[in-house]
Protein backbone atom coordinates (compact mmCIF):
# COMPACT_ATOMS: atom_id res chain seq x y z
CA MET A 1 21.81 -16.12 -28.98
CA ILE A 2 22.75 -13.22 -29.79
CA THR A 3 25.00 -10.77 -27.18
CA GLU A 4 24.36 -7.62 -27.70
CA VAL A 5 27.98 -5.34 -26.52
CA ALA A 6 27.45 -1.53 -25.09
CA LYS A 7 30.21 0.93 -25.78
CA ALA A 8 32.22 2.11 -23.04
CA SER A 9 30.88 5.24 -23.98
CA GLU A 10 27.40 4.48 -23.69
CA LEU A 11 27.80 3.14 -19.76
CA HIS A 12 27.83 5.51 -17.86
CA LYS A 13 24.11 5.62 -19.08
CA ILE A 14 23.10 1.86 -17.37
CA ASP A 15 22.25 1.84 -13.78
CA PRO A 16 19.45 -0.20 -14.14
CA VAL A 17 19.47 -0.71 -9.96
CA PHE A 18 21.50 1.71 -8.17
CA GLY A 19 20.56 4.52 -10.70
CA GLN A 20 16.75 4.35 -10.56
CA LEU A 21 15.10 6.92 -9.04
CA SER A 22 12.63 4.98 -6.64
CA PHE A 23 16.22 3.22 -5.49
CA ASP A 24 16.56 4.27 -1.85
CA ASN A 25 19.62 2.12 -0.42
CA HIS A 26 17.62 -0.79 -0.48
CA GLU A 27 19.25 -4.15 1.34
CA GLN A 28 18.36 -7.55 -1.40
CA ILE A 29 16.61 -7.42 -4.61
CA VAL A 30 15.88 -10.71 -6.07
CA PHE A 31 14.69 -11.08 -9.64
CA CYS A 32 13.64 -14.61 -10.18
CA ASN A 33 12.90 -16.13 -13.50
CA ASP A 34 11.94 -19.76 -13.80
CA LYS A 35 10.92 -20.65 -17.30
CA ASP A 36 8.85 -24.25 -16.99
CA THR A 37 6.04 -21.99 -15.36
CA GLY A 38 6.64 -18.29 -16.92
CA LEU A 39 7.60 -16.76 -13.48
CA LYS A 40 9.38 -13.46 -13.76
CA ALA A 41 9.16 -11.87 -10.39
CA ILE A 42 11.37 -8.91 -7.93
CA ILE A 43 11.12 -9.36 -4.38
CA GLY A 44 12.83 -5.90 -3.05
CA ILE A 45 13.93 -6.07 0.40
CA HIS A 46 14.43 -2.23 1.67
CA ASN A 47 14.78 -2.32 5.65
CA THR A 48 15.49 -5.32 7.95
CA VAL A 49 16.21 -2.94 10.96
CA LEU A 50 13.49 -3.53 13.26
CA GLY A 51 12.53 -7.22 12.02
CA PRO A 52 12.00 -9.28 8.83
CA ALA A 53 10.97 -7.57 6.10
CA LEU A 54 6.66 -8.26 5.22
CA GLY A 55 4.98 -7.05 2.27
CA GLY A 56 2.25 -8.32 -0.45
CA THR A 57 3.25 -10.19 -3.59
CA ARG A 58 2.01 -7.93 -5.99
CA MET A 59 1.05 -9.41 -9.80
CA TRP A 60 0.19 -6.77 -12.33
CA LYS A 61 0.56 -6.73 -16.30
CA TYR A 62 3.32 -3.92 -16.19
CA THR A 63 4.09 -2.24 -19.38
CA ASN A 64 8.14 -3.57 -19.01
CA GLU A 65 9.99 -4.48 -16.46
CA TRP A 66 11.40 -1.03 -15.09
CA GLU A 67 7.82 -0.54 -13.76
CA ALA A 68 8.03 -3.21 -12.52
CA LEU A 69 11.35 -2.38 -10.97
CA ASN A 70 10.32 0.67 -9.64
CA ASP A 71 6.94 -0.14 -8.21
CA VAL A 72 9.17 -2.85 -5.78
CA LEU A 73 10.88 -0.48 -5.22
CA ARG A 74 8.58 2.51 -4.12
CA LEU A 75 6.33 -0.14 -3.03
CA SER A 76 8.74 -1.87 -0.71
CA ARG A 77 9.96 0.99 0.81
CA GLY A 78 6.66 2.50 1.62
CA MET A 79 6.29 -0.94 3.84
CA THR A 80 9.57 0.38 5.68
CA PHE A 81 7.86 3.19 7.00
CA LYS A 82 3.88 1.60 7.37
CA SER A 83 5.17 -1.27 9.77
CA ALA A 84 7.72 1.33 11.76
CA ILE A 85 4.76 4.23 12.12
CA SER A 86 2.69 1.40 13.60
CA GLY A 87 4.90 -0.06 16.26
CA LEU A 88 5.39 -3.21 14.49
CA ASN A 89 9.41 -5.25 14.85
CA LEU A 90 9.01 -5.72 11.29
CA GLY A 91 11.13 -4.50 8.16
CA GLY A 92 9.47 -3.20 4.61
CA GLY A 93 9.71 -5.72 1.92
CA LYS A 94 7.50 -6.71 -1.80
CA ALA A 95 6.86 -8.17 -4.33
CA VAL A 96 5.66 -8.15 -7.20
CA ILE A 97 5.28 -10.85 -10.75
CA ILE A 98 5.03 -9.78 -14.28
CA GLY A 99 1.86 -10.69 -15.44
CA ASP A 100 -1.46 -10.95 -15.47
CA ALA A 101 -3.36 -12.84 -13.01
CA LYS A 102 -6.61 -13.61 -14.76
CA VAL A 103 -4.66 -15.07 -17.77
CA ASP A 104 -1.24 -15.98 -16.70
CA LYS A 105 -1.25 -17.41 -13.46
CA THR A 106 -1.46 -20.52 -12.64
CA PRO A 107 -1.12 -22.32 -9.20
CA GLU A 108 2.62 -23.88 -10.48
CA MET A 109 3.50 -20.46 -10.98
CA ILE A 110 2.61 -19.70 -7.55
CA THR A 111 4.46 -22.19 -6.10
CA LYS A 112 7.49 -21.83 -7.51
CA PHE A 113 7.23 -18.53 -6.32
CA GLY A 114 6.89 -19.36 -2.52
CA GLU A 115 9.69 -22.08 -3.28
CA TYR A 116 12.03 -18.25 -4.19
CA ILE A 117 10.50 -17.03 -1.19
CA ASN A 118 11.60 -19.80 0.87
CA SER A 119 15.10 -19.43 -0.34
CA LEU A 120 15.42 -16.10 1.58
CA SER A 121 15.65 -18.06 5.32
CA GLY A 122 12.82 -15.61 6.56
CA LYS A 123 14.62 -12.17 5.40
CA TYR A 124 11.28 -11.25 3.25
CA ILE A 125 7.98 -12.77 4.30
CA THR A 126 4.60 -12.85 2.06
CA ALA A 127 1.47 -11.82 2.16
CA GLU A 128 -1.71 -11.18 -0.50
CA ASP A 129 -1.78 -7.99 -2.69
CA VAL A 130 -3.55 -6.67 -6.17
CA GLY A 131 -3.59 -9.62 -8.37
CA THR A 132 -3.31 -12.37 -5.71
CA THR A 133 -5.60 -14.44 -3.22
CA THR A 134 -5.69 -16.02 0.48
CA PRO A 135 -5.54 -19.36 -1.62
CA ASP A 136 -2.08 -18.23 -3.72
CA MET A 137 -0.83 -17.97 0.17
CA ASP A 138 -2.16 -21.54 1.09
CA LEU A 139 -0.15 -22.36 -1.60
CA ILE A 140 2.93 -20.83 -0.93
CA ARG A 141 2.80 -22.14 2.44
CA ASP A 142 3.46 -24.91 1.09
CA VAL A 143 6.88 -24.76 0.40
CA THR A 144 8.16 -22.52 3.36
CA PRO A 145 6.76 -21.05 6.31
CA TYR A 146 7.97 -17.01 5.21
CA VAL A 147 4.16 -15.96 4.42
CA THR A 148 1.38 -14.35 5.64
CA GLY A 149 -2.43 -13.80 5.33
CA ILE A 150 -2.92 -17.81 4.77
CA SER A 151 -6.80 -19.18 5.07
CA GLU A 152 -8.27 -19.27 8.75
CA ALA A 153 -8.62 -22.88 7.92
CA ARG A 154 -5.29 -22.74 8.41
CA GLY A 155 -4.35 -21.44 10.97
CA GLY A 156 -4.37 -17.50 9.44
CA SER A 157 -5.47 -13.72 9.91
CA GLY A 158 -7.76 -14.35 6.08
CA ASN A 159 -7.65 -11.69 3.79
CA PRO A 160 -6.52 -8.79 5.09
CA SER A 161 -8.01 -6.29 3.24
CA PRO A 162 -11.18 -6.23 5.41
CA VAL A 163 -8.68 -3.95 7.77
CA THR A 164 -6.68 -2.82 5.72
CA ALA A 165 -10.57 -1.17 4.99
CA TYR A 166 -11.00 -0.37 8.26
CA GLY A 167 -8.40 1.88 8.98
CA VAL A 168 -8.67 3.51 5.86
CA TYR A 169 -11.90 4.27 7.71
CA MET A 170 -10.51 5.48 10.60
CA GLY A 171 -7.88 7.76 9.49
CA MET A 172 -10.09 9.45 7.00
CA LYS A 173 -12.23 10.00 9.74
CA ALA A 174 -9.32 11.39 11.28
CA ALA A 175 -8.65 14.11 8.45
CA ALA A 176 -12.05 14.98 8.55
CA LYS A 177 -12.08 15.71 12.04
CA TYR A 178 -8.67 17.70 11.77
CA GLN A 179 -10.52 19.37 8.68
CA PHE A 180 -14.13 20.06 9.24
CA GLY A 181 -14.29 20.26 13.10
CA SER A 182 -16.19 16.99 13.18
CA ASP A 183 -15.53 12.97 12.56
CA ASN A 184 -18.94 12.63 11.45
CA LEU A 185 -18.66 11.47 7.54
CA SER A 186 -22.74 11.12 7.83
CA GLY A 187 -24.01 14.03 4.44
CA LYS A 188 -19.77 14.32 3.50
CA LYS A 189 -20.16 14.01 -0.14
CA ILE A 190 -17.09 11.25 -1.08
CA LEU A 191 -15.53 10.76 -4.51
CA VAL A 192 -13.82 6.74 -3.30
CA GLN A 193 -11.36 5.59 -7.00
CA GLY A 194 -10.77 2.02 -7.01
CA THR A 195 -13.73 -0.51 -6.21
CA GLY A 196 -11.65 -3.66 -5.34
CA ASN A 197 -11.90 -5.66 -1.89
CA VAL A 198 -10.71 -3.00 -0.41
CA GLY A 199 -12.02 0.04 -1.69
CA GLU A 200 -15.91 -1.92 -1.43
CA THR A 201 -15.55 -2.58 2.38
CA LEU A 202 -14.38 1.31 2.46
CA ILE A 203 -17.98 2.17 0.89
CA LYS A 204 -19.76 -0.34 2.91
CA HIS A 205 -18.70 2.03 6.08
CA LEU A 206 -18.71 5.18 4.91
CA THR A 207 -22.52 4.58 3.05
CA ALA A 208 -23.76 3.09 6.61
CA GLU A 209 -22.58 6.19 8.53
CA GLY A 210 -24.61 8.57 5.52
CA ALA A 211 -21.73 9.77 3.70
CA LEU A 212 -22.99 10.60 -0.06
CA VAL A 213 -20.51 7.97 -1.35
CA GLN A 214 -19.97 8.81 -5.30
CA MET A 215 -17.68 5.75 -6.43
CA THR A 216 -15.32 5.30 -10.44
CA ASP A 217 -13.58 2.20 -11.27
CA ILE A 218 -12.53 0.76 -15.01
CA ASN A 219 -14.86 -2.32 -14.00
CA GLU A 220 -18.39 -1.46 -15.29
CA ALA A 221 -19.63 -4.06 -13.68
CA ARG A 222 -17.77 -3.80 -10.78
CA LEU A 223 -19.35 -0.49 -10.19
CA GLN A 224 -22.97 -2.09 -10.67
CA GLU A 225 -22.35 -4.60 -8.16
CA ILE A 226 -21.81 -1.66 -5.66
CA ASN A 227 -24.29 -0.03 -6.59
CA ALA A 228 -27.01 -2.42 -6.12
CA LYS A 229 -25.69 -3.31 -2.26
CA TYR A 230 -24.73 0.02 -0.84
CA GLY A 231 -26.85 2.42 -3.09
CA ALA A 232 -23.53 4.57 -3.81
CA GLN A 233 -23.59 6.21 -7.22
CA ILE A 234 -21.12 5.68 -10.52
CA TYR A 235 -19.43 8.47 -11.05
CA THR A 236 -18.98 9.63 -14.69
CA GLY A 237 -16.65 13.47 -14.65
CA ASP A 238 -13.40 14.48 -14.13
CA ILE A 239 -12.27 12.00 -11.11
CA TYR A 240 -9.85 15.26 -10.07
CA GLY A 241 -12.10 18.25 -10.09
CA ALA A 242 -14.98 16.87 -8.27
CA ASP A 243 -17.15 18.99 -6.02
CA VAL A 244 -16.70 16.53 -3.18
CA ASP A 245 -15.14 16.62 0.47
CA ILE A 246 -13.60 13.86 0.12
CA TYR A 247 -11.02 12.38 -2.48
CA ALA A 248 -10.93 8.94 -1.37
CA PRO A 249 -7.71 6.88 -4.20
CA CYS A 250 -7.83 3.33 -3.62
CA ALA A 251 -6.52 1.83 -6.99
CA LEU A 252 -3.39 2.20 -7.97
CA GLY A 253 -0.41 4.98 -6.58
CA ALA A 254 0.75 8.40 -7.70
CA THR A 255 -3.29 9.95 -9.05
CA ILE A 256 -1.62 13.09 -7.07
CA ASN A 257 0.38 14.09 -9.69
CA ASP A 258 1.79 17.24 -11.86
CA GLU A 259 -1.21 17.32 -13.47
CA THR A 260 -3.82 16.31 -10.81
CA VAL A 261 -2.28 18.39 -7.82
CA ASN A 262 -3.75 21.95 -9.06
CA LYS A 263 -7.33 20.55 -10.42
CA ILE A 264 -8.32 18.81 -6.53
CA LYS A 265 -11.24 20.54 -5.39
CA ALA A 266 -11.30 18.27 -1.91
CA LYS A 267 -10.48 19.27 1.74
CA VAL A 268 -9.22 15.82 2.42
CA ILE A 269 -6.78 13.08 0.27
CA ALA A 270 -7.77 9.54 3.01
CA GLY A 271 -7.58 6.99 0.61
CA ALA A 272 -6.25 2.75 0.62
CA ALA A 273 -3.88 3.39 -2.34
CA ASN A 274 0.34 3.28 -1.76
CA ASN A 275 2.59 5.52 -2.70
CA GLN A 276 -0.74 8.24 -3.51
CA LEU A 277 1.92 10.91 -4.27
CA ALA A 278 3.70 10.83 -7.45
CA ASN A 279 6.81 13.58 -6.28
CA GLU A 280 5.93 13.12 -1.67
CA GLU A 281 7.96 17.08 -1.92
CA ILE A 282 6.51 18.71 -4.53
CA HIS A 283 2.86 17.41 -4.42
CA GLY A 284 2.52 16.98 -0.46
CA LYS A 285 3.88 20.60 -0.31
CA ILE A 286 1.36 21.65 -2.83
CA LEU A 287 -1.89 19.79 -0.99
CA LYS A 288 -0.17 22.29 2.07
CA ASP A 289 -0.18 24.74 0.46
CA ARG A 290 -3.70 24.61 -0.62
CA GLY A 291 -5.02 23.94 2.49
CA ILE A 292 -5.69 19.89 1.12
CA ALA A 293 -5.35 18.01 4.38
CA TYR A 294 -3.41 14.87 3.25
CA ALA A 295 -4.00 11.48 5.59
CA PRO A 296 -0.46 9.91 4.65
CA ASP A 297 -0.98 6.17 3.01
CA PHE A 298 0.87 4.52 4.20
CA LEU A 299 -0.09 5.63 7.79
CA ILE A 300 -3.84 4.66 7.09
CA ASN A 301 -3.52 1.53 5.32
CA ALA A 302 -1.62 0.06 7.48
CA GLY A 303 -4.40 -1.69 9.09
CA GLY A 304 -3.36 -4.56 6.71
CA ILE A 305 -0.53 -5.20 7.47
CA ILE A 306 -1.11 -5.30 11.50
CA ASN A 307 -3.68 -7.79 11.60
CA VAL A 308 -1.80 -10.64 9.41
CA TYR A 309 1.34 -9.21 11.75
CA ALA A 310 -0.59 -11.72 14.40
CA GLU A 311 0.11 -14.62 12.74
CA ILE A 312 3.97 -13.90 13.78
CA VAL A 313 3.42 -12.79 17.32
CA GLY A 314 0.17 -14.66 18.31
CA TYR A 315 -2.49 -12.08 18.96
CA ASP A 316 -5.53 -12.65 18.09
CA SER A 317 -8.95 -10.81 15.72
CA ALA A 318 -9.82 -8.50 18.47
CA GLU A 319 -6.33 -7.71 19.13
CA ALA A 320 -6.18 -6.43 15.25
CA LEU A 321 -8.72 -4.85 15.07
CA ARG A 322 -8.04 -2.18 18.06
CA ARG A 323 -4.86 -1.98 16.81
CA THR A 324 -5.73 -0.43 13.94
CA GLU A 325 -8.86 1.27 15.54
CA ASN A 326 -5.81 3.22 16.85
CA ILE A 327 -4.81 5.02 13.48
CA TYR A 328 -7.04 7.19 14.24
CA ASN A 329 -5.71 8.48 17.33
CA THR A 330 -2.11 8.37 15.09
CA THR A 331 -3.56 10.03 12.19
CA LEU A 332 -4.09 12.99 14.54
CA GLU A 333 -0.72 12.84 15.92
CA ILE A 334 0.16 13.40 12.74
CA PHE A 335 -1.49 15.69 11.66
CA SER A 336 -0.71 17.84 14.74
CA PHE A 337 2.83 17.23 14.36
CA ALA A 338 3.09 18.46 10.76
CA GLU A 339 1.20 21.97 12.01
CA THR A 340 3.23 22.19 14.63
CA ASN A 341 6.77 22.08 13.30
CA GLY A 342 5.70 24.00 9.99
CA ILE A 343 5.80 20.35 7.39
CA THR A 344 3.41 18.28 5.44
CA THR A 345 2.28 15.42 7.39
CA HIS A 346 3.77 13.11 5.22
CA GLN A 347 7.41 14.49 6.22
CA ALA A 348 5.55 14.11 9.21
CA ALA A 349 4.59 10.77 9.25
CA LEU A 350 8.08 9.17 7.85
CA SER A 351 10.24 11.41 9.95
CA ILE A 352 8.41 9.60 13.42
CA ALA A 353 8.67 6.30 11.46
CA GLN A 354 12.65 6.99 10.21
CA LYS A 355 13.41 8.15 14.34
CA ARG A 356 12.04 4.96 15.35
CA ILE A 357 14.41 3.10 12.56
CA ASP A 358 17.68 4.82 13.31
CA ASP A 359 16.09 4.59 17.70
CA ARG A 360 16.42 1.04 17.26
CA LYS A 361 19.96 0.37 15.21
CA LYS A 362 21.21 3.02 18.06
CA GLU A 363 20.41 -0.01 19.96
CA ASN A 364 21.20 -2.95 18.23
CA ALA A 365 25.28 -1.41 17.49
CA LYS A 366 25.55 -1.26 20.74
């Protein structure tokens, strides 16, 4: 084994964790490695003031470890504010497993990952995300109680995607109400980017209401399948320059960035993807200045965590749906607060969530 020693003059450049731009006073970052199963994972715990950090495990073929670390830092921070603004007594956490879920994932790898979660003694609770499934959560449950989204057969709430999609649908209707004066989406031209479990269910709701839905995805077979089911049209042009009323990003994040933010023609942005704004301040302000109503992602995609929270506190699926439906009212409140205070909707949602965390911190200090 050869170990390279960095020169003293180069050490100031080496800030692999605390120097990351996405590092935001995270409480704990855990690196998990197991040679036998090929597991390479990172667990990010951002904040536990309101309660244990809950967030899904994403398995993705990252280009490099820096990309994986950046993702888990951004995602775990987002979970903190998602739980806070939804009124849940949970903190923010997230995990990523580096690898291709279709090729690299094995039961042994997922079980080993569950053991790492268990070693944190409940400070982090996992759930499913991109690249992981309800059966994966059942495997993790075999070795730790600190998992949600397990199958209904094992007493869990099952796949959270349908509830996530319903929350996005409610948030989109609220944004339409604010921007167009009506929450009726019939006849509205809507482009859904990403047709995974959440994207498909959102398309189901939208087409049922009479919206003119177009969709895009890297999986052509998936597009054909959903077209046959719901009649949504396949879009092949420039996503961001599409002549639509509403743009719904439902794939990976940061699609609203320097290259795209000024091309967007939609008057409403409301989707399920996490961290849609590549730069929250800059791109949020550009959207505001352009008169585009942006429904904060961590607010309207909170249906999934509301659903799995039921497993922790014990409410039923009907109550989970009722709480998710309330995303409509909260979204309207955020738009009103932002307009009154002359700030972006992202800033408005963030400030309300942060106030709840700060208030609880003061209570805990007494």
